[in-house]
Amino acid sequence: MEKLKKQGELQLNEKRAKVVAELQKLKQRADEFSDFSELAMVPQYLMDVRIVHKRLGDAQEQIIWINKEEALYKFSITQFPEVDEIAAAIDPYMKLFQIVNKWQKVEKKYVLDFTYYMF
């Protein structure tokens, strides 16, 4: 029984380390969004932000599992404040890229319609 407990604790520690590493990668990726400035690349930027958002959601699911396991082992519950920081950092970029992407589509349609009626 003690061997299984130690094995479970080891798994928990490994999972916690993986989540911390993933959050570091996501934070670094979120910081890179401020360098995105090419209008032609907005659809790609939007996809990148969505990927980071999805990976953040996956990390949150892992955190819920970790916290439940910590409660079972009667460990102190690990806090992950990086999650809120990353979410707050990517939210404005998500909104910006969505609006610009939508504007580009509408503008392209308008220009095509205008060109059609002009000729």
Protein backbone atom coordinates (compact mmCIF):
# COMPACT_ATOMS: atom_id res chain seq x y z
CA MET A 1 0.00 0.00 0.00
CA GLU A 2 2.81 2.37 0.90
CA LYS A 3 4.53 1.60 -2.41
CA LEU A 4 1.40 2.55 -4.36
CA LYS A 5 1.08 5.74 -2.35
CA LYS A 6 4.66 6.73 -3.17
CA GLN A 7 4.05 5.91 -6.83
CA GLY A 8 0.92 8.08 -6.85
CA GLU A 9 2.80 10.94 -5.19
CA LEU A 10 5.55 10.65 -7.78
CA GLN A 11 2.99 10.80 -10.60
CA LEU A 12 1.42 13.84 -9.00
CA ASN A 13 4.78 15.62 -8.76
CA GLU A 14 5.59 14.79 -12.38
CA LYS A 15 2.22 16.06 -13.56
CA ARG A 16 2.64 19.25 -11.52
CA ALA A 17 6.08 19.83 -13.07
CA LYS A 18 4.66 19.31 -16.57
CA VAL A 19 1.88 21.82 -15.93
CA VAL A 20 4.34 24.39 -14.59
CA ALA A 21 6.53 23.93 -17.69
CA GLU A 22 3.49 24.22 -19.98
CA LEU A 23 2.38 27.41 -18.24
CA GLN A 24 5.86 28.88 -18.70
CA LYS A 25 5.71 28.10 -22.43
CA LEU A 26 2.23 29.62 -22.71
CA LYS A 27 3.30 32.76 -20.84
CA GLN A 28 6.27 33.15 -23.17
CA ARG A 29 4.01 32.62 -26.20
CA ALA A 30 1.49 35.17 -24.87
CA ASP A 31 4.28 37.71 -24.49
CA GLU A 32 5.16 37.26 -28.17
CA PHE A 33 1.73 38.48 -29.29
CA SER A 34 2.78 42.08 -28.74
CA ASP A 35 5.22 41.69 -31.64
CA PHE A 36 2.51 40.63 -34.10
CA SER A 37 1.95 43.54 -36.47
CA GLU A 38 1.53 42.25 -40.04
CA LEU A 39 -2.02 42.80 -41.25
CA ALA A 40 -1.68 40.03 -43.81
CA MET A 41 -0.88 37.59 -41.01
CA VAL A 42 -3.95 38.32 -38.86
CA PRO A 43 -5.68 34.99 -39.69
CA GLN A 44 -2.52 33.16 -38.57
CA TYR A 45 -2.26 35.32 -35.45
CA LEU A 46 -5.87 34.53 -34.61
CA MET A 47 -5.19 30.82 -34.98
CA ASP A 48 -2.10 31.14 -32.75
CA VAL A 49 -4.09 32.91 -30.03
CA ARG A 50 -6.81 30.25 -30.22
CA ILE A 51 -4.20 27.51 -29.86
CA VAL A 52 -2.76 29.18 -26.77
CA HIS A 53 -6.28 29.59 -25.39
CA LYS A 54 -7.02 25.89 -25.94
CA ARG A 55 -3.73 24.81 -24.37
CA LEU A 56 -4.49 27.05 -21.40
CA GLY A 57 -7.86 25.32 -21.03
CA ASP A 58 -6.14 21.95 -21.13
CA ALA A 59 -3.72 23.12 -18.44
CA GLN A 60 -6.67 24.25 -16.30
CA GLU A 61 -8.16 20.76 -16.54
CA GLN A 62 -4.82 19.31 -15.45
CA ILE A 63 -4.71 21.75 -12.53
CA ILE A 64 -8.15 20.64 -11.37
CA TRP A 65 -6.94 17.02 -11.41
CA ILE A 66 -3.74 17.97 -9.55
CA ASN A 67 -5.67 19.85 -6.87
CA LYS A 68 -8.03 16.91 -6.35
CA GLU A 69 -5.09 14.54 -5.99
CA GLU A 70 -3.36 16.91 -3.58
CA ALA A 71 -6.52 16.95 -1.47
CA LEU A 72 -6.61 13.13 -1.47
CA TYR A 73 -2.98 12.95 -0.35
CA LYS A 74 -3.64 15.76 2.15
CA PHE A 75 -1.00 17.98 0.58
CA SER A 76 -1.33 21.73 0.47
CA ILE A 77 -3.23 22.78 -2.63
CA THR A 78 -0.92 24.26 -5.26
CA GLN A 79 -1.95 27.63 -6.62
CA PHE A 80 -1.26 28.48 -10.24
CA PRO A 81 -1.62 32.28 -10.51
CA GLU A 82 0.01 32.15 -13.95
CA VAL A 83 -3.26 30.86 -15.40
CA ASP A 84 -5.09 34.11 -14.67
CA GLU A 85 -2.12 36.16 -15.86
CA ILE A 86 -1.94 34.30 -19.17
CA ALA A 87 -5.71 34.50 -19.68
CA ALA A 88 -5.64 38.25 -19.00
CA ALA A 89 -2.69 38.68 -21.37
CA ILE A 90 -4.21 36.83 -24.34
CA ASP A 91 -7.77 38.12 -24.05
CA PRO A 92 -7.12 41.56 -25.64
CA TYR A 93 -5.18 39.94 -28.49
CA MET A 94 -7.96 37.44 -29.10
CA LYS A 95 -10.50 40.27 -29.36
CA LEU A 96 -8.23 42.43 -31.49
CA PHE A 97 -7.37 39.69 -33.97
CA GLN A 98 -11.02 38.61 -34.21
CA ILE A 99 -12.16 42.14 -34.98
CA VAL A 100 -9.39 42.78 -37.51
CA ASN A 101 -10.01 39.42 -39.18
CA LYS A 102 -13.73 40.15 -39.45
CA TRP A 103 -13.01 43.65 -40.77
CA GLN A 104 -10.64 42.26 -43.40
CA LYS A 105 -13.27 39.82 -44.64
CA VAL A 106 -15.97 42.49 -44.83
CA GLU A 107 -13.61 44.97 -46.45
CA LYS A 108 -12.54 42.42 -49.05
CA LYS A 109 -16.16 41.61 -49.87
CA TYR A 110 -17.02 45.30 -50.10
CA VAL A 111 -14.11 46.01 -52.45
CA LEU A 112 -15.07 43.05 -54.67
CA ASP A 113 -18.70 44.18 -54.79
CA PHE A 114 -17.67 47.76 -55.49
CA THR A 115 -15.32 46.66 -58.26
CA TYR A 116 -18.04 44.50 -59.78
CA TYR A 117 -20.50 47.38 -59.96
CA MET A 118 -17.92 49.81 -61.27
CA PHE A 119 -17.10 47.74 -64.32
